[in-house]
Amino acid sequence: MKDKKQPCRKTSYKKVGFDLKLLIIDQVQNGQISVNHASEKYQVSRSSIDYWLKKYSTLDQKKLGMSKKNEIKKLKERIEELEFVKDFQQDVIADMELITGVDMSKKSLPKTLADEIEKKKQNRLKENG
């Protein structure tokens, strides 16, 4: 007598809300968890997670394969670079205003930037006596 093969049991998965999808995607993309582990942990099929990764990933992440931590690091570096450029430009404007005696910043720049340049001019005057 032959043994009857048992039909393959299909694993039943629960419906997943949008917030949980984003959490899973974030964890997988940042390398905190593998797709297989996420599938077991959250009772979601691996193919669903792969689909969500393709659907909800941003273009930048797809192109560069960049994790959020790397993206934040690069943005912080860019901010530092731009702050350096801003300070240099303010120094140049402050020096030009001291040399020429014309307040260019008050006429053409926003008040916050003009105030920063004015402080730089005052500091230069104190340094030079």
C-alpha atoms as a PDB file:
ATOM      1  CA  MET A   1       0.000   0.000   0.000  1.00  0.00           C
ATOM      2  CA  LYS A   2       1.401   3.388  -1.001  1.00  0.00           C
ATOM      3  CA  ASP A   3       1.596   6.283   1.442  1.00  0.00           C
ATOM      4  CA  LYS A   4      -0.451   9.238   0.416  1.00  0.00           C
ATOM      5  CA  LYS A   5       1.530  12.418   0.238  1.00  0.00           C
ATOM      6  CA  GLN A   6       0.271  15.093   2.558  1.00  0.00           C
ATOM      7  CA  PRO A   7      -0.629  18.273   0.737  1.00  0.00           C
ATOM      8  CA  CYS A   8       1.844  21.069   1.290  1.00  0.00           C
ATOM      9  CA  ARG A   9       0.554  23.432   3.924  1.00  0.00           C
ATOM     10  CA  LYS A  10       0.453  26.989   2.837  1.00  0.00           C
ATOM     11  CA  THR A  11       1.665  29.324   5.528  1.00  0.00           C
ATOM     12  CA  SER A  12      -0.963  31.838   6.409  1.00  0.00           C
ATOM     13  CA  TYR A  13       0.213  35.375   6.878  1.00  0.00           C
ATOM     14  CA  LYS A  14      -1.522  38.249   8.535  1.00  0.00           C
ATOM     15  CA  LYS A  15      -2.332  41.544   6.882  1.00  0.00           C
ATOM     16  CA  VAL A  16       0.284  44.185   7.501  1.00  0.00           C
ATOM     17  CA  GLY A  17      -0.403  47.869   8.007  1.00  0.00           C
ATOM     18  CA  PHE A  18       1.491  50.609   6.217  1.00  0.00           C
ATOM     19  CA  ASP A  19       3.424  51.665   9.345  1.00  0.00           C
ATOM     20  CA  LEU A  20       4.688  48.139   9.918  1.00  0.00           C
ATOM     21  CA  LYS A  21       5.681  47.867   6.259  1.00  0.00           C
ATOM     22  CA  LEU A  22       7.774  51.018   6.584  1.00  0.00           C
ATOM     23  CA  LEU A  23       9.336  49.728   9.810  1.00  0.00           C
ATOM     24  CA  ILE A  24      10.304  46.444   8.152  1.00  0.00           C
ATOM     25  CA  ILE A  25      11.686  48.237   5.083  1.00  0.00           C
ATOM     26  CA  ASP A  26      13.707  50.598   7.273  1.00  0.00           C
ATOM     27  CA  GLN A  27      15.189  47.754   9.304  1.00  0.00           C
ATOM     28  CA  VAL A  28      16.105  45.743   6.211  1.00  0.00           C
ATOM     29  CA  GLN A  29      17.650  48.710   4.383  1.00  0.00           C
ATOM     30  CA  ASN A  30      19.727  49.756   7.384  1.00  0.00           C
ATOM     31  CA  GLY A  31      21.052  46.213   7.766  1.00  0.00           C
ATOM     32  CA  GLN A  32      19.467  45.707  11.178  1.00  0.00           C
ATOM     33  CA  ILE A  33      17.610  42.610  10.021  1.00  0.00           C
ATOM     34  CA  SER A  34      17.642  40.295   7.012  1.00  0.00           C
ATOM     35  CA  VAL A  35      14.649  39.692   4.782  1.00  0.00           C
ATOM     36  CA  ASN A  36      14.478  36.085   5.986  1.00  0.00           C
ATOM     37  CA  HIS A  37      14.582  37.097   9.637  1.00  0.00           C
ATOM     38  CA  ALA A  38      11.993  39.841   9.082  1.00  0.00           C
ATOM     39  CA  SER A  39       9.758  37.305   7.353  1.00  0.00           C
ATOM     40  CA  GLU A  40       9.903  34.988  10.359  1.00  0.00           C
ATOM     41  CA  LYS A  41       9.695  37.743  12.969  1.00  0.00           C
ATOM     42  CA  TYR A  42       6.695  39.574  11.502  1.00  0.00           C
ATOM     43  CA  GLN A  43       5.012  36.545   9.864  1.00  0.00           C
ATOM     44  CA  VAL A  44       5.175  38.086   6.396  1.00  0.00           C
ATOM     45  CA  SER A  45       6.273  36.357   3.201  1.00  0.00           C
ATOM     46  CA  ARG A  46       9.740  37.127   1.847  1.00  0.00           C
ATOM     47  CA  SER A  47       8.297  37.962  -1.551  1.00  0.00           C
ATOM     48  CA  SER A  48       6.028  40.572   0.043  1.00  0.00           C
ATOM     49  CA  ILE A  49       8.994  42.206   1.751  1.00  0.00           C
ATOM     50  CA  ASP A  50      10.940  42.213  -1.527  1.00  0.00           C
ATOM     51  CA  TYR A  51       7.943  43.812  -3.240  1.00  0.00           C
ATOM     52  CA  TRP A  52       7.686  46.502  -0.556  1.00  0.00           C
ATOM     53  CA  LEU A  53      11.393  47.219  -0.823  1.00  0.00           C
ATOM     54  CA  LYS A  54      11.043  47.849  -4.550  1.00  0.00           C
ATOM     55  CA  LYS A  55       7.832  49.830  -4.172  1.00  0.00           C
ATOM     56  CA  TYR A  56       8.641  52.069  -1.204  1.00  0.00           C
ATOM     57  CA  SER A  57      12.386  52.652  -1.554  1.00  0.00           C
ATOM     58  CA  THR A  58      13.370  56.143  -2.625  1.00  0.00           C
ATOM     59  CA  LEU A  59      15.227  56.662  -5.891  1.00  0.00           C
ATOM     60  CA  ASP A  60      18.319  57.903  -4.056  1.00  0.00           C
ATOM     61  CA  GLN A  61      18.480  54.743  -1.979  1.00  0.00           C
ATOM     62  CA  LYS A  62      17.996  52.597  -5.060  1.00  0.00           C
ATOM     63  CA  LYS A  63      20.693  54.437  -7.033  1.00  0.00           C
ATOM     64  CA  LEU A  64      23.275  54.691  -4.324  1.00  0.00           C
ATOM     65  CA  GLY A  65      22.307  51.805  -2.084  1.00  0.00           C
ATOM     66  CA  MET A  66      22.918  54.237   0.744  1.00  0.00           C
ATOM     67  CA  SER A  67      21.685  53.559   4.240  1.00  0.00           C
ATOM     68  CA  LYS A  68      20.055  56.331   6.226  1.00  0.00           C
ATOM     69  CA  LYS A  69      23.090  56.574   8.504  1.00  0.00           C
ATOM     70  CA  ASN A  70      25.391  57.171   5.528  1.00  0.00           C
ATOM     71  CA  GLU A  71      22.951  59.656   4.058  1.00  0.00           C
ATOM     72  CA  ILE A  72      22.806  61.582   7.349  1.00  0.00           C
ATOM     73  CA  LYS A  73      26.609  61.550   7.582  1.00  0.00           C
ATOM     74  CA  LYS A  74      26.960  62.966   4.063  1.00  0.00           C
ATOM     75  CA  LEU A  75      24.347  65.635   4.758  1.00  0.00           C
ATOM     76  CA  LYS A  76      26.144  66.680   7.954  1.00  0.00           C
ATOM     77  CA  GLU A  77      29.408  66.972   6.007  1.00  0.00           C
ATOM     78  CA  ARG A  78      27.654  69.091   3.390  1.00  0.00           C
ATOM     79  CA  ILE A  79      26.214  71.358   6.110  1.00  0.00           C
ATOM     80  CA  GLU A  80      29.690  71.882   7.587  1.00  0.00           C
ATOM     81  CA  GLU A  81      31.052  72.700   4.145  1.00  0.00           C
ATOM     82  CA  LEU A  82      28.288  75.223   3.458  1.00  0.00           C
ATOM     83  CA  GLU A  83      28.717  76.852   6.886  1.00  0.00           C
ATOM     84  CA  PHE A  84      32.426  77.286   6.159  1.00  0.00           C
ATOM     85  CA  VAL A  85      31.647  78.916   2.803  1.00  0.00           C
ATOM     86  CA  LYS A  86      29.058  81.185   4.458  1.00  0.00           C
ATOM     87  CA  ASP A  87      31.538  82.280   7.141  1.00  0.00           C
ATOM     88  CA  PHE A  88      34.197  82.972   4.516  1.00  0.00           C
ATOM     89  CA  GLN A  89      31.805  85.054   2.437  1.00  0.00           C
ATOM     90  CA  GLN A  90      30.707  86.990   5.513  1.00  0.00           C
ATOM     91  CA  ASP A  91      34.337  87.680   6.393  1.00  0.00           C
ATOM     92  CA  VAL A  92      34.973  89.020   2.895  1.00  0.00           C
ATOM     93  CA  ILE A  93      31.877  91.241   3.021  1.00  0.00           C
ATOM     94  CA  ALA A  94      32.800  92.531   6.500  1.00  0.00           C
ATOM     95  CA  ASP A  95      36.346  93.363   5.336  1.00  0.00           C
ATOM     96  CA  MET A  96      35.049  95.119   2.221  1.00  0.00           C
ATOM     97  CA  GLU A  97      32.601  97.152   4.283  1.00  0.00           C
ATOM     98  CA  LEU A  98      35.403  98.210   6.635  1.00  0.00           C
ATOM     99  CA  ILE A  99      37.674  99.172   3.736  1.00  0.00           C
ATOM    100  CA  THR A 100      35.062 101.008   1.674  1.00  0.00           C
ATOM    101  CA  GLY A 101      32.890 102.317   4.493  1.00  0.00           C
ATOM    102  CA  VAL A 102      29.728 101.267   2.608  1.00  0.00           C
ATOM    103  CA  ASP A 103      27.171  99.019   4.346  1.00  0.00           C
ATOM    104  CA  MET A 104      26.436  96.614   1.488  1.00  0.00           C
ATOM    105  CA  SER A 105      24.991  93.877   3.682  1.00  0.00           C
ATOM    106  CA  LYS A 106      22.189  95.977   5.161  1.00  0.00           C
ATOM    107  CA  LYS A 107      20.954  96.930   1.720  1.00  0.00           C
ATOM    108  CA  SER A 108      21.063  93.577  -0.014  1.00  0.00           C
ATOM    109  CA  LEU A 109      20.997  90.737   2.546  1.00  0.00           C
ATOM    110  CA  PRO A 110      18.371  89.400   4.961  1.00  0.00           C
ATOM    111  CA  LYS A 111      18.479  90.969   8.424  1.00  0.00           C
ATOM    112  CA  THR A 112      19.893  87.870  10.148  1.00  0.00           C
ATOM    113  CA  LEU A 113      22.852  87.704   7.771  1.00  0.00           C
ATOM    114  CA  ALA A 114      23.406  91.445   7.944  1.00  0.00           C
ATOM    115  CA  ASP A 115      23.466  91.220  11.754  1.00  0.00           C
ATOM    116  CA  GLU A 116      26.049  88.415  11.620  1.00  0.00           C
ATOM    117  CA  ILE A 117      28.243  90.498   9.313  1.00  0.00           C
ATOM    118  CA  GLU A 118      27.874  93.510  11.612  1.00  0.00           C
ATOM    119  CA  LYS A 119      29.115  91.395  14.544  1.00  0.00           C
ATOM    120  CA  LYS A 120      32.097  90.279  12.460  1.00  0.00           C
ATOM    121  CA  LYS A 121      32.877  93.918  11.654  1.00  0.00           C
ATOM    122  CA  GLN A 122      32.724  94.843  15.344  1.00  0.00           C
ATOM    123  CA  ASN A 123      35.055  91.966  16.217  1.00  0.00           C
ATOM    124  CA  ARG A 124      37.494  93.074  13.491  1.00  0.00           C
ATOM    125  CA  LEU A 125      37.464  96.628  14.827  1.00  0.00           C
ATOM    126  CA  LYS A 126      38.169  95.394  18.376  1.00  0.00           C
ATOM    127  CA  GLU A 127      41.021  93.206  17.146  1.00  0.00           C
ATOM    128  CA  ASN A 128      42.608  96.033  15.169  1.00  0.00           C
ATOM    129  CA  GLY A 129      42.083  98.586  17.910  1.00  0.00           C
END
